[in-house]
Amino acid sequence: MYFIRRILLLVPLLLVISMIAFSLVRLAPGGPFDKERAPASPEIERNLKAKYHLDEPLWKQYGRWLSGVVQGDFGPSLKYRNHTVTDIIVQGLPVTITLGGLSFLFALGIGIPLGFWTAVNKGGVEDVAGSFIAILAVCVPALVVGPLLVMGLAVNWKIFPVALLLSPWHLILPIVTLGLYFAGRVARLTREGMLDTLDAGFITTARAKGLSETNVLLHHAFRIGILPVVSYSGPMLADLLTGSFVVENLFRIPGIGVFMVNSSLNRDYTMVVGLVVLYAVLLLVLNLLVDLAYGFLDRRVKFE
C-alpha cells in the first residue's frame, strides 16, 4: 500500500510542479522574442504571440499545454522554431543518460571504496589521506576540473581526445569531470555511515561471536553503512542526468543540459517547463527506487 500511495501521489505532485514552473517562467522579465537580431514591430510581435497562443490567459495556456503533454507533446520550442520540445529531448536525452549514467558508476566506483577504506583505517594515515582527497574533490568544481584535465591530458600530453563524442575515449574526460565531485560526496557519506555502523551494538555482538573482521565489515557493517549513499543516489543520479550543462558546454557534448541553460536565458517557455517536468519525473521515480532499495538492504525498515 505504501508504494501504491507513492505512485498515485506522483501525478498531482507533477501537476503542481508543472503549474509553478509554467507560471514562474512567464512572470520573469523579458520574453522569447526580445533577443531577435532585429527588434520586431508591434504588429509582428502580436502575430507571434497569437501563433504560439501567448496572448491567451495564463490558465488557458496551461490547459492547452497540459492537453498536449497528455498526448506526449510538450509543444513547439520558441527558440528552435523548426523543432518541438519533445524532439529535442528525444535527441539529447540518450546522450545525457549515457554521460550521467557512466559518471554515476564512476562516482560510486571511486567514492564507496575510498570511504570504506578511510572508515576502516580511522585515525590513521590512510584516513587522513583519503579524507583529504574526498574533500578536495568536493571543493573543486567541474568548471575548474574540466579545463585542467583538458589542458593537461588532452592539449599538453595528448593522452585523451577532447570535444564531441566520436569514440568511447571521448567520454573519459567528461565522465571524470562530471563524476569527481559526486565521488567525493559519496566517499564522505560512506565514511560517516560506516563509522556510525561500526559503533553499533550488533557489530560488537558479531565480533564477540568470533566472526572474522572481513566478514564483520563486508557482510554486516557495509550493508547498513552504505544506506546514506543509497539515500543520496536518487538525487545524485537525477542531478547527473539533467545538471551536466557545464560539462556538456565544455566538451561540446550535444545533451539536454545545454538546452536547459539556453532556454532559461532565451525565455523559451515551453523548453524550460518541459525540462523541469523531465527533471521532476526523474527525481521522483529515482527516490521511489531508493525507498525500494532501503527495504532490501535494511530489514529494520518496514513500509506500511
C-alpha atoms as a PDB file:
ATOM      1  CA  MET A   1       0.000   0.000   0.000  1.00  0.00           C
ATOM      2  CA  TYR A   2       2.860   2.395   0.761  1.00  0.00           C
ATOM      3  CA  PHE A   3       4.300   2.250  -2.739  1.00  0.00           C
ATOM      4  CA  ILE A   4       0.868   2.367  -4.355  1.00  0.00           C
ATOM      5  CA  ARG A   5       0.184   5.601  -2.473  1.00  0.00           C
ATOM      6  CA  ARG A   6       3.570   6.959  -3.533  1.00  0.00           C
ATOM      7  CA  ILE A   7       2.875   6.151  -7.181  1.00  0.00           C
ATOM      8  CA  LEU A   8      -0.595   7.701  -7.050  1.00  0.00           C
ATOM      9  CA  LEU A   9       0.879  10.811  -5.445  1.00  0.00           C
ATOM     10  CA  LEU A  10       3.243  11.321  -8.388  1.00  0.00           C
ATOM     11  CA  VAL A  11       0.512  12.636 -10.700  1.00  0.00           C
ATOM     12  CA  PRO A  12      -0.815  15.507  -8.520  1.00  0.00           C
ATOM     13  CA  LEU A  13       2.741  16.362  -7.471  1.00  0.00           C
ATOM     14  CA  LEU A  14       3.853  16.654 -11.091  1.00  0.00           C
ATOM     15  CA  LEU A  15       0.801  18.788 -11.830  1.00  0.00           C
ATOM     16  CA  VAL A  16       1.732  21.195  -9.042  1.00  0.00           C
ATOM     17  CA  ILE A  17       5.366  21.336 -10.198  1.00  0.00           C
ATOM     18  CA  SER A  18       4.368  21.976 -13.797  1.00  0.00           C
ATOM     19  CA  MET A  19       1.907  24.714 -12.772  1.00  0.00           C
ATOM     20  CA  ILE A  20       4.548  26.500 -10.690  1.00  0.00           C
ATOM     21  CA  ALA A  21       7.171  26.242 -13.446  1.00  0.00           C
ATOM     22  CA  PHE A  22       4.664  27.297 -16.097  1.00  0.00           C
ATOM     23  CA  SER A  23       3.698  30.398 -14.107  1.00  0.00           C
ATOM     24  CA  LEU A  24       7.132  31.461 -12.867  1.00  0.00           C
ATOM     25  CA  VAL A  25       8.835  31.310 -16.247  1.00  0.00           C
ATOM     26  CA  ARG A  26       6.210  33.682 -17.645  1.00  0.00           C
ATOM     27  CA  LEU A  27       6.482  36.068 -14.714  1.00  0.00           C
ATOM     28  CA  ALA A  28      10.225  36.516 -15.272  1.00  0.00           C
ATOM     29  CA  PRO A  29      11.261  39.747 -17.049  1.00  0.00           C
ATOM     30  CA  GLY A  30      11.660  39.569 -20.800  1.00  0.00           C
ATOM     31  CA  GLY A  31      10.095  37.363 -23.421  1.00  0.00           C
ATOM     32  CA  PRO A  32      11.034  34.762 -26.025  1.00  0.00           C
ATOM     33  CA  PHE A  33      11.149  37.312 -28.859  1.00  0.00           C
ATOM     34  CA  ASP A  34      13.195  40.039 -27.147  1.00  0.00           C
ATOM     35  CA  LYS A  35      16.606  38.851 -28.355  1.00  0.00           C
ATOM     36  CA  GLU A  36      15.942  38.648 -32.065  1.00  0.00           C
ATOM     37  CA  ARG A  37      18.542  40.138 -34.382  1.00  0.00           C
ATOM     38  CA  ALA A  38      16.153  42.916 -35.407  1.00  0.00           C
ATOM     39  CA  PRO A  39      13.534  44.208 -32.962  1.00  0.00           C
ATOM     40  CA  ALA A  40      10.105  43.019 -34.011  1.00  0.00           C
ATOM     41  CA  SER A  41       7.460  45.597 -34.762  1.00  0.00           C
ATOM     42  CA  PRO A  42       4.399  45.629 -32.511  1.00  0.00           C
ATOM     43  CA  GLU A  43       2.340  44.012 -35.273  1.00  0.00           C
ATOM     44  CA  ILE A  44       4.841  41.182 -35.817  1.00  0.00           C
ATOM     45  CA  GLU A  45       5.099  40.616 -32.078  1.00  0.00           C
ATOM     46  CA  ARG A  46       1.319  40.376 -31.810  1.00  0.00           C
ATOM     47  CA  ASN A  47       1.263  37.839 -34.626  1.00  0.00           C
ATOM     48  CA  LEU A  48       3.997  35.774 -32.990  1.00  0.00           C
ATOM     49  CA  LYS A  49       2.169  35.763 -29.672  1.00  0.00           C
ATOM     50  CA  ALA A  50      -1.032  34.746 -31.415  1.00  0.00           C
ATOM     51  CA  LYS A  51       0.758  31.938 -33.264  1.00  0.00           C
ATOM     52  CA  TYR A  52       2.080  30.461 -30.009  1.00  0.00           C
ATOM     53  CA  HIS A  53      -1.098  31.336 -28.020  1.00  0.00           C
ATOM     54  CA  LEU A  54       0.862  33.649 -25.715  1.00  0.00           C
ATOM     55  CA  ASP A  55      -1.899  36.262 -25.946  1.00  0.00           C
ATOM     56  CA  GLU A  56      -4.334  33.953 -24.135  1.00  0.00           C
ATOM     57  CA  PRO A  57      -4.964  33.988 -20.362  1.00  0.00           C
ATOM     58  CA  LEU A  58      -2.418  32.007 -18.351  1.00  0.00           C
ATOM     59  CA  TRP A  59      -4.923  29.353 -17.260  1.00  0.00           C
ATOM     60  CA  LYS A  60      -5.920  28.735 -20.865  1.00  0.00           C
ATOM     61  CA  GLN A  61      -2.281  28.457 -21.979  1.00  0.00           C
ATOM     62  CA  TYR A  62      -1.647  25.916 -19.232  1.00  0.00           C
ATOM     63  CA  GLY A  63      -4.723  23.886 -20.179  1.00  0.00           C
ATOM     64  CA  ARG A  64      -3.641  23.833 -23.808  1.00  0.00           C
ATOM     65  CA  TRP A  65      -0.106  22.781 -22.816  1.00  0.00           C
ATOM     66  CA  LEU A  66      -1.384  20.095 -20.436  1.00  0.00           C
ATOM     67  CA  SER A  67      -3.626  18.569 -23.077  1.00  0.00           C
ATOM     68  CA  GLY A  68      -0.602  18.316 -25.368  1.00  0.00           C
ATOM     69  CA  VAL A  69       1.509  16.699 -22.653  1.00  0.00           C
ATOM     70  CA  VAL A  70      -1.130  14.016 -22.151  1.00  0.00           C
ATOM     71  CA  GLN A  71      -0.634  13.163 -25.837  1.00  0.00           C
ATOM     72  CA  GLY A  72       3.159  13.159 -25.461  1.00  0.00           C
ATOM     73  CA  ASP A  73       3.740  16.619 -26.950  1.00  0.00           C
ATOM     74  CA  PHE A  74       5.448  19.330 -24.855  1.00  0.00           C
ATOM     75  CA  GLY A  75       4.753  21.919 -27.531  1.00  0.00           C
ATOM     76  CA  PRO A  76       6.977  23.773 -30.012  1.00  0.00           C
ATOM     77  CA  SER A  77      10.233  25.354 -28.951  1.00  0.00           C
ATOM     78  CA  LEU A  78      10.041  29.152 -29.097  1.00  0.00           C
ATOM     79  CA  LYS A  79      13.775  29.463 -29.803  1.00  0.00           C
ATOM     80  CA  TYR A  80      14.423  26.486 -32.102  1.00  0.00           C
ATOM     81  CA  ARG A  81      11.496  27.251 -34.366  1.00  0.00           C
ATOM     82  CA  ASN A  82      11.654  24.078 -36.502  1.00  0.00           C
ATOM     83  CA  HIS A  83      11.751  21.682 -33.536  1.00  0.00           C
ATOM     84  CA  THR A  84       9.402  20.655 -30.789  1.00  0.00           C
ATOM     85  CA  VAL A  85      10.474  20.249 -27.176  1.00  0.00           C
ATOM     86  CA  THR A  86       9.802  16.518 -27.443  1.00  0.00           C
ATOM     87  CA  ASP A  87      12.107  16.238 -30.473  1.00  0.00           C
ATOM     88  CA  ILE A  88      14.950  17.971 -28.653  1.00  0.00           C
ATOM     89  CA  ILE A  89      14.503  15.823 -25.526  1.00  0.00           C
ATOM     90  CA  VAL A  90      14.420  12.630 -27.592  1.00  0.00           C
ATOM     91  CA  GLN A  91      17.620  13.634 -29.396  1.00  0.00           C
ATOM     92  CA  GLY A  92      19.571  14.906 -26.401  1.00  0.00           C
ATOM     93  CA  LEU A  93      18.373  12.680 -23.552  1.00  0.00           C
ATOM     94  CA  PRO A  94      20.176   9.463 -24.684  1.00  0.00           C
ATOM     95  CA  VAL A  95      23.475  11.372 -24.785  1.00  0.00           C
ATOM     96  CA  THR A  96      22.888  12.869 -21.343  1.00  0.00           C
ATOM     97  CA  ILE A  97      21.779   9.494 -19.937  1.00  0.00           C
ATOM     98  CA  THR A  98      24.972   7.884 -21.244  1.00  0.00           C
ATOM     99  CA  LEU A  99      27.181  10.601 -19.778  1.00  0.00           C
ATOM    100  CA  GLY A 100      25.258  10.801 -16.498  1.00  0.00           C
ATOM    101  CA  GLY A 101      24.973   7.040 -16.050  1.00  0.00           C
ATOM    102  CA  LEU A 102      28.680   6.433 -16.602  1.00  0.00           C
ATOM    103  CA  SER A 103      29.537   9.353 -14.292  1.00  0.00           C
ATOM    104  CA  PHE A 104      27.234   7.804 -11.679  1.00  0.00           C
ATOM    105  CA  LEU A 105      29.104   4.494 -11.895  1.00  0.00           C
ATOM    106  CA  PHE A 106      32.418   6.362 -11.727  1.00  0.00           C
ATOM    107  CA  ALA A 107      31.304   8.245  -8.587  1.00  0.00           C
ATOM    108  CA  LEU A 108      30.198   5.042  -6.858  1.00  0.00           C
ATOM    109  CA  GLY A 109      33.227   3.074  -8.038  1.00  0.00           C
ATOM    110  CA  ILE A 110      35.651   5.651  -6.632  1.00  0.00           C
ATOM    111  CA  GLY A 111      33.680   7.040  -3.690  1.00  0.00           C
ATOM    112  CA  ILE A 112      32.493   3.844  -1.981  1.00  0.00           C
ATOM    113  CA  PRO A 113      35.911   2.096  -1.793  1.00  0.00           C
ATOM    114  CA  LEU A 114      37.566   5.360  -0.723  1.00  0.00           C
ATOM    115  CA  GLY A 115      35.016   5.971   2.037  1.00  0.00           C
ATOM    116  CA  PHE A 116      35.158   2.348   3.180  1.00  0.00           C
ATOM    117  CA  TRP A 117      38.969   2.435   3.294  1.00  0.00           C
ATOM    118  CA  THR A 118      39.095   5.653   5.331  1.00  0.00           C
ATOM    119  CA  ALA A 119      36.464   4.384   7.808  1.00  0.00           C
ATOM    120  CA  VAL A 120      38.244   1.079   8.397  1.00  0.00           C
ATOM    121  CA  ASN A 121      41.532   2.937   8.988  1.00  0.00           C
ATOM    122  CA  LYS A 122      40.023   5.682  11.152  1.00  0.00           C
ATOM    123  CA  GLY A 123      42.665   7.974  12.642  1.00  0.00           C
ATOM    124  CA  GLY A 124      45.496   6.570  10.540  1.00  0.00           C
ATOM    125  CA  VAL A 125      47.472   7.980   7.653  1.00  0.00           C
ATOM    126  CA  GLU A 126      45.089   6.277   5.224  1.00  0.00           C
ATOM    127  CA  ASP A 127      42.126   8.074   6.814  1.00  0.00           C
ATOM    128  CA  VAL A 128      43.809  11.479   6.612  1.00  0.00           C
ATOM    129  CA  ALA A 129      44.922  10.989   3.002  1.00  0.00           C
ATOM    130  CA  GLY A 130      41.603   9.565   1.837  1.00  0.00           C
ATOM    131  CA  SER A 131      39.568  12.259   3.608  1.00  0.00           C
ATOM    132  CA  PHE A 132      41.773  14.967   2.090  1.00  0.00           C
ATOM    133  CA  ILE A 133      41.206  13.554  -1.412  1.00  0.00           C
ATOM    134  CA  ALA A 134      37.444  13.360  -0.842  1.00  0.00           C
ATOM    135  CA  ILE A 135      37.203  16.933   0.469  1.00  0.00           C
ATOM    136  CA  LEU A 136      39.372  18.204  -2.378  1.00  0.00           C
ATOM    137  CA  ALA A 137      37.066  16.520  -4.905  1.00  0.00           C
ATOM    138  CA  VAL A 138      34.046  18.175  -3.293  1.00  0.00           C
ATOM    139  CA  CYS A 139      35.620  21.631  -3.071  1.00  0.00           C
ATOM    140  CA  VAL A 140      36.937  21.901  -6.640  1.00  0.00           C
ATOM    141  CA  PRO A 141      34.015  22.423  -9.077  1.00  0.00           C
ATOM    142  CA  ALA A 142      33.718  20.882 -12.524  1.00  0.00           C
ATOM    143  CA  LEU A 143      34.216  24.345 -14.018  1.00  0.00           C
ATOM    144  CA  VAL A 144      37.806  24.181 -12.741  1.00  0.00           C
ATOM    145  CA  VAL A 145      38.481  20.445 -13.066  1.00  0.00           C
ATOM    146  CA  GLY A 146      37.389  20.269 -16.701  1.00  0.00           C
ATOM    147  CA  PRO A 147      39.782  22.876 -18.154  1.00  0.00           C
ATOM    148  CA  LEU A 148      42.662  21.479 -16.065  1.00  0.00           C
ATOM    149  CA  LEU A 149      42.060  17.977 -17.438  1.00  0.00           C
ATOM    150  CA  VAL A 150      41.751  19.317 -20.977  1.00  0.00           C
ATOM    151  CA  MET A 151      44.957  21.336 -20.768  1.00  0.00           C
ATOM    152  CA  GLY A 152      46.954  18.585 -19.050  1.00  0.00           C
ATOM    153  CA  LEU A 153      45.718  15.320 -20.565  1.00  0.00           C
ATOM    154  CA  ALA A 154      44.363  16.445 -23.936  1.00  0.00           C
ATOM    155  CA  VAL A 155      46.312  19.517 -25.087  1.00  0.00           C
ATOM    156  CA  ASN A 156      49.760  19.099 -23.497  1.00  0.00           C
ATOM    157  CA  TRP A 157      50.161  15.319 -23.163  1.00  0.00           C
ATOM    158  CA  LYS A 158      47.641  14.344 -25.872  1.00  0.00           C
ATOM    159  CA  ILE A 159      46.559  11.220 -23.961  1.00  0.00           C
ATOM    160  CA  PHE A 160      42.809  11.665 -24.450  1.00  0.00           C
ATOM    161  CA  PRO A 161      40.785  13.348 -27.186  1.00  0.00           C
ATOM    162  CA  VAL A 162      38.617  16.321 -26.299  1.00  0.00           C
ATOM    163  CA  ALA A 163      35.240  17.594 -27.549  1.00  0.00           C
ATOM    164  CA  LEU A 164      32.395  15.744 -29.275  1.00  0.00           C
ATOM    165  CA  LEU A 165      31.579  12.027 -28.950  1.00  0.00           C
ATOM    166  CA  LEU A 166      33.370  10.295 -31.774  1.00  0.00           C
ATOM    167  CA  SER A 167      34.616   7.292 -29.752  1.00  0.00           C
ATOM    168  CA  PRO A 168      34.447   5.851 -26.211  1.00  0.00           C
ATOM    169  CA  TRP A 169      37.746   7.612 -25.474  1.00  0.00           C
ATOM    170  CA  HIS A 170      35.961  10.950 -25.849  1.00  0.00           C
ATOM    171  CA  LEU A 171      33.826  10.087 -22.805  1.00  0.00           C
ATOM    172  CA  ILE A 172      36.666   9.643 -20.310  1.00  0.00           C
ATOM    173  CA  LEU A 173      37.446  13.287 -19.554  1.00  0.00           C
ATOM    174  CA  PRO A 174      33.755  14.342 -19.350  1.00  0.00           C
ATOM    175  CA  ILE A 175      32.980  11.409 -17.033  1.00  0.00           C
ATOM    176  CA  VAL A 176      35.855  12.257 -14.679  1.00  0.00           C
ATOM    177  CA  THR A 177      34.964  15.961 -14.747  1.00  0.00           C
ATOM    178  CA  LEU A 178      31.300  15.346 -14.003  1.00  0.00           C
ATOM    179  CA  GLY A 179      31.697  12.474 -11.538  1.00  0.00           C
ATOM    180  CA  LEU A 180      34.623  13.674  -9.432  1.00  0.00           C
ATOM    181  CA  TYR A 181      32.560  15.987  -7.214  1.00  0.00           C
ATOM    182  CA  PHE A 182      29.970  13.291  -6.596  1.00  0.00           C
ATOM    183  CA  ALA A 183      32.706  10.723  -5.895  1.00  0.00           C
ATOM    184  CA  GLY A 184      33.915  12.970  -3.080  1.00  0.00           C
ATOM    185  CA  ARG A 185      30.386  13.273  -1.672  1.00  0.00           C
ATOM    186  CA  VAL A 186      29.883   9.508  -1.857  1.00  0.00           C
ATOM    187  CA  ALA A 187      33.225   8.911  -0.107  1.00  0.00           C
ATOM    188  CA  ARG A 188      32.260  11.228   2.759  1.00  0.00           C
ATOM    189  CA  LEU A 189      28.810   9.640   3.124  1.00  0.00           C
ATOM    190  CA  THR A 190      30.275   6.125   3.045  1.00  0.00           C
ATOM    191  CA  ARG A 191      32.824   7.015   5.700  1.00  0.00           C
ATOM    192  CA  GLU A 192      30.251   8.558   8.037  1.00  0.00           C
ATOM    193  CA  GLY A 193      27.812   5.691   7.517  1.00  0.00           C
ATOM    194  CA  MET A 194      30.475   3.068   8.157  1.00  0.00           C
ATOM    195  CA  LEU A 195      31.777   4.825  11.278  1.00  0.00           C
ATOM    196  CA  ASP A 196      28.271   5.024  12.765  1.00  0.00           C
ATOM    197  CA  THR A 197      27.631   1.369  11.947  1.00  0.00           C
ATOM    198  CA  LEU A 198      30.929   0.129  13.360  1.00  0.00           C
ATOM    199  CA  ASP A 199      29.965   1.652  16.712  1.00  0.00           C
ATOM    200  CA  ALA A 200      26.600  -0.139  16.747  1.00  0.00           C
ATOM    201  CA  GLY A 201      25.814  -2.942  19.172  1.00  0.00           C
ATOM    202  CA  PHE A 202      25.213  -5.646  16.582  1.00  0.00           C
ATOM    203  CA  ILE A 203      28.769  -5.180  15.260  1.00  0.00           C
ATOM    204  CA  THR A 204      30.140  -5.748  18.764  1.00  0.00           C
ATOM    205  CA  THR A 205      27.958  -8.854  19.033  1.00  0.00           C
ATOM    206  CA  ALA A 206      29.189 -10.161  15.676  1.00  0.00           C
ATOM    207  CA  ARG A 207      32.792  -9.746  16.771  1.00  0.00           C
ATOM    208  CA  ALA A 208      32.058 -11.395  20.115  1.00  0.00           C
ATOM    209  CA  LYS A 209      30.746 -14.445  18.258  1.00  0.00           C
ATOM    210  CA  GLY A 210      34.181 -14.893  16.722  1.00  0.00           C
ATOM    211  CA  LEU A 211      33.413 -13.763  13.178  1.00  0.00           C
ATOM    212  CA  SER A 212      36.405 -12.674  11.155  1.00  0.00           C
ATOM    213  CA  GLU A 213      36.962  -8.928  10.681  1.00  0.00           C
ATOM    214  CA  THR A 214      36.444  -9.273   6.932  1.00  0.00           C
ATOM    215  CA  ASN A 215      33.102 -10.999   7.496  1.00  0.00           C
ATOM    216  CA  VAL A 216      32.035  -8.334  10.000  1.00  0.00           C
ATOM    217  CA  LEU A 217      32.987  -5.460   7.698  1.00  0.00           C
ATOM    218  CA  LEU A 218      31.644  -6.796   4.408  1.00  0.00           C
ATOM    219  CA  HIS A 219      28.586  -8.811   5.429  1.00  0.00           C
ATOM    220  CA  HIS A 220      27.329  -6.875   8.452  1.00  0.00           C
ATOM    221  CA  ALA A 221      28.689  -3.331   8.619  1.00  0.00           C
ATOM    222  CA  PHE A 222      28.825  -2.450   4.926  1.00  0.00           C
ATOM    223  CA  ARG A 223      25.182  -3.304   4.241  1.00  0.00           C
ATOM    224  CA  ILE A 224      23.989  -0.778   6.829  1.00  0.00           C
ATOM    225  CA  GLY A 225      26.815   1.714   6.410  1.00  0.00           C
ATOM    226  CA  ILE A 226      26.039   2.149   2.730  1.00  0.00           C
ATOM    227  CA  LEU A 227      22.465   3.370   3.397  1.00  0.00           C
ATOM    228  CA  PRO A 228      23.397   7.105   3.366  1.00  0.00           C
ATOM    229  CA  VAL A 229      24.820   6.579  -0.122  1.00  0.00           C
ATOM    230  CA  VAL A 230      21.634   4.809  -1.199  1.00  0.00           C
ATOM    231  CA  SER A 231      19.597   7.803   0.004  1.00  0.00           C
ATOM    232  CA  TYR A 232      21.841  10.162  -1.920  1.00  0.00           C
ATOM    233  CA  SER A 233      21.910   8.032  -5.085  1.00  0.00           C
ATOM    234  CA  GLY A 234      18.458   9.090  -6.299  1.00  0.00           C
ATOM    235  CA  PRO A 235      19.028  12.865  -6.265  1.00  0.00           C
ATOM    236  CA  MET A 236      22.628  12.342  -7.399  1.00  0.00           C
ATOM    237  CA  LEU A 237      21.616  10.401 -10.487  1.00  0.00           C
ATOM    238  CA  ALA A 238      18.906  12.954 -11.297  1.00  0.00           C
ATOM    239  CA  ASP A 239      21.480  15.745 -10.981  1.00  0.00           C
ATOM    240  CA  LEU A 240      23.916  13.890 -13.200  1.00  0.00           C
ATOM    241  CA  LEU A 241      21.280  13.245 -15.848  1.00  0.00           C
ATOM    242  CA  THR A 242      19.931  16.798 -16.015  1.00  0.00           C
ATOM    243  CA  GLY A 243      22.555  19.071 -14.486  1.00  0.00           C
ATOM    244  CA  SER A 244      25.551  18.344 -16.693  1.00  0.00           C
ATOM    245  CA  PHE A 245      25.269  21.573 -18.696  1.00  0.00           C
ATOM    246  CA  VAL A 246      28.739  22.836 -17.649  1.00  0.00           C
ATOM    247  CA  VAL A 247      30.453  19.647 -18.811  1.00  0.00           C
ATOM    248  CA  GLU A 248      28.346  19.437 -21.959  1.00  0.00           C
ATOM    249  CA  ASN A 249      29.242  23.021 -22.845  1.00  0.00           C
ATOM    250  CA  LEU A 250      32.911  22.498 -22.062  1.00  0.00           C
ATOM    251  CA  PHE A 251      33.298  19.311 -24.118  1.00  0.00           C
ATOM    252  CA  ARG A 252      30.718  20.248 -26.794  1.00  0.00           C
ATOM    253  CA  ILE A 253      28.504  17.286 -25.997  1.00  0.00           C
ATOM    254  CA  PRO A 254      25.002  17.505 -27.548  1.00  0.00           C
ATOM    255  CA  GLY A 255      22.942  16.644 -24.454  1.00  0.00           C
ATOM    256  CA  ILE A 256      19.932  18.338 -22.879  1.00  0.00           C
ATOM    257  CA  GLY A 257      21.942  20.226 -20.259  1.00  0.00           C
ATOM    258  CA  VAL A 258      22.893  22.844 -22.836  1.00  0.00           C
ATOM    259  CA  PHE A 259      19.246  23.411 -23.700  1.00  0.00           C
ATOM    260  CA  MET A 260      18.350  23.921 -20.029  1.00  0.00           C
ATOM    261  CA  VAL A 261      20.691  26.908 -19.784  1.00  0.00           C
ATOM    262  CA  ASN A 262      19.996  28.372 -23.208  1.00  0.00           C
ATOM    263  CA  SER A 263      16.230  28.078 -22.853  1.00  0.00           C
ATOM    264  CA  SER A 264      16.333  29.851 -19.485  1.00  0.00           C
ATOM    265  CA  LEU A 265      18.390  32.713 -20.911  1.00  0.00           C
ATOM    266  CA  ASN A 266      16.243  32.984 -24.047  1.00  0.00           C
ATOM    267  CA  ARG A 267      12.901  32.660 -22.207  1.00  0.00           C
ATOM    268  CA  ASP A 268      11.995  29.586 -24.236  1.00  0.00           C
ATOM    269  CA  TYR A 269       8.915  28.925 -22.106  1.00  0.00           C
ATOM    270  CA  THR A 270       7.948  25.515 -23.436  1.00  0.00           C
ATOM    271  CA  MET A 271      11.512  24.193 -23.328  1.00  0.00           C
ATOM    272  CA  VAL A 272      12.052  25.323 -19.733  1.00  0.00           C
ATOM    273  CA  VAL A 273       8.798  23.782 -18.499  1.00  0.00           C
ATOM    274  CA  GLY A 274       9.408  20.550 -20.423  1.00  0.00           C
ATOM    275  CA  LEU A 275      12.889  20.102 -18.951  1.00  0.00           C
ATOM    276  CA  VAL A 276      11.684  20.984 -15.440  1.00  0.00           C
ATOM    277  CA  VAL A 277       8.972  18.341 -15.677  1.00  0.00           C
ATOM    278  CA  LEU A 278      11.513  15.828 -17.002  1.00  0.00           C
ATOM    279  CA  TYR A 279      13.820  16.564 -14.071  1.00  0.00           C
ATOM    280  CA  ALA A 280      10.913  16.226 -11.624  1.00  0.00           C
ATOM    281  CA  VAL A 281       9.890  12.853 -13.079  1.00  0.00           C
ATOM    282  CA  LEU A 282      13.461  11.559 -12.824  1.00  0.00           C
ATOM    283  CA  LEU A 283      13.848  12.796  -9.259  1.00  0.00           C
ATOM    284  CA  LEU A 284      10.541  11.358  -8.023  1.00  0.00           C
ATOM    285  CA  VAL A 285      10.989   7.983  -9.719  1.00  0.00           C
ATOM    286  CA  LEU A 286      14.583   7.609  -8.559  1.00  0.00           C
ATOM    287  CA  ASN A 287      13.630   8.496  -4.977  1.00  0.00           C
ATOM    288  CA  LEU A 288      10.934   5.823  -5.134  1.00  0.00           C
ATOM    289  CA  LEU A 289      13.535   3.283  -6.276  1.00  0.00           C
ATOM    290  CA  VAL A 290      15.776   4.383  -3.402  1.00  0.00           C
ATOM    291  CA  ASP A 291      12.995   3.577  -0.931  1.00  0.00           C
ATOM    292  CA  LEU A 292      12.666   0.135  -2.501  1.00  0.00           C
ATOM    293  CA  ALA A 293      16.407  -0.426  -2.143  1.00  0.00           C
ATOM    294  CA  TYR A 294      16.185   0.508   1.534  1.00  0.00           C
ATOM    295  CA  GLY A 295      13.826  -2.390   2.184  1.00  0.00           C
ATOM    296  CA  PHE A 296      16.270  -4.870   0.671  1.00  0.00           C
ATOM    297  CA  LEU A 297      19.351  -3.534   2.450  1.00  0.00           C
ATOM    298  CA  ASP A 298      17.931  -2.877   5.901  1.00  0.00           C
ATOM    299  CA  ARG A 299      15.408  -5.403   7.233  1.00  0.00           C
ATOM    300  CA  ARG A 300      14.527  -2.983  10.029  1.00  0.00           C
ATOM    301  CA  VAL A 301      12.799  -0.708   7.513  1.00  0.00           C
ATOM    302  CA  LYS A 302       9.111  -1.556   7.215  1.00  0.00           C
ATOM    303  CA  PHE A 303       6.752   0.042   4.709  1.00  0.00           C
ATOM    304  CA  GLU A 304       3.130   0.159   5.741  1.00  0.00           C
END
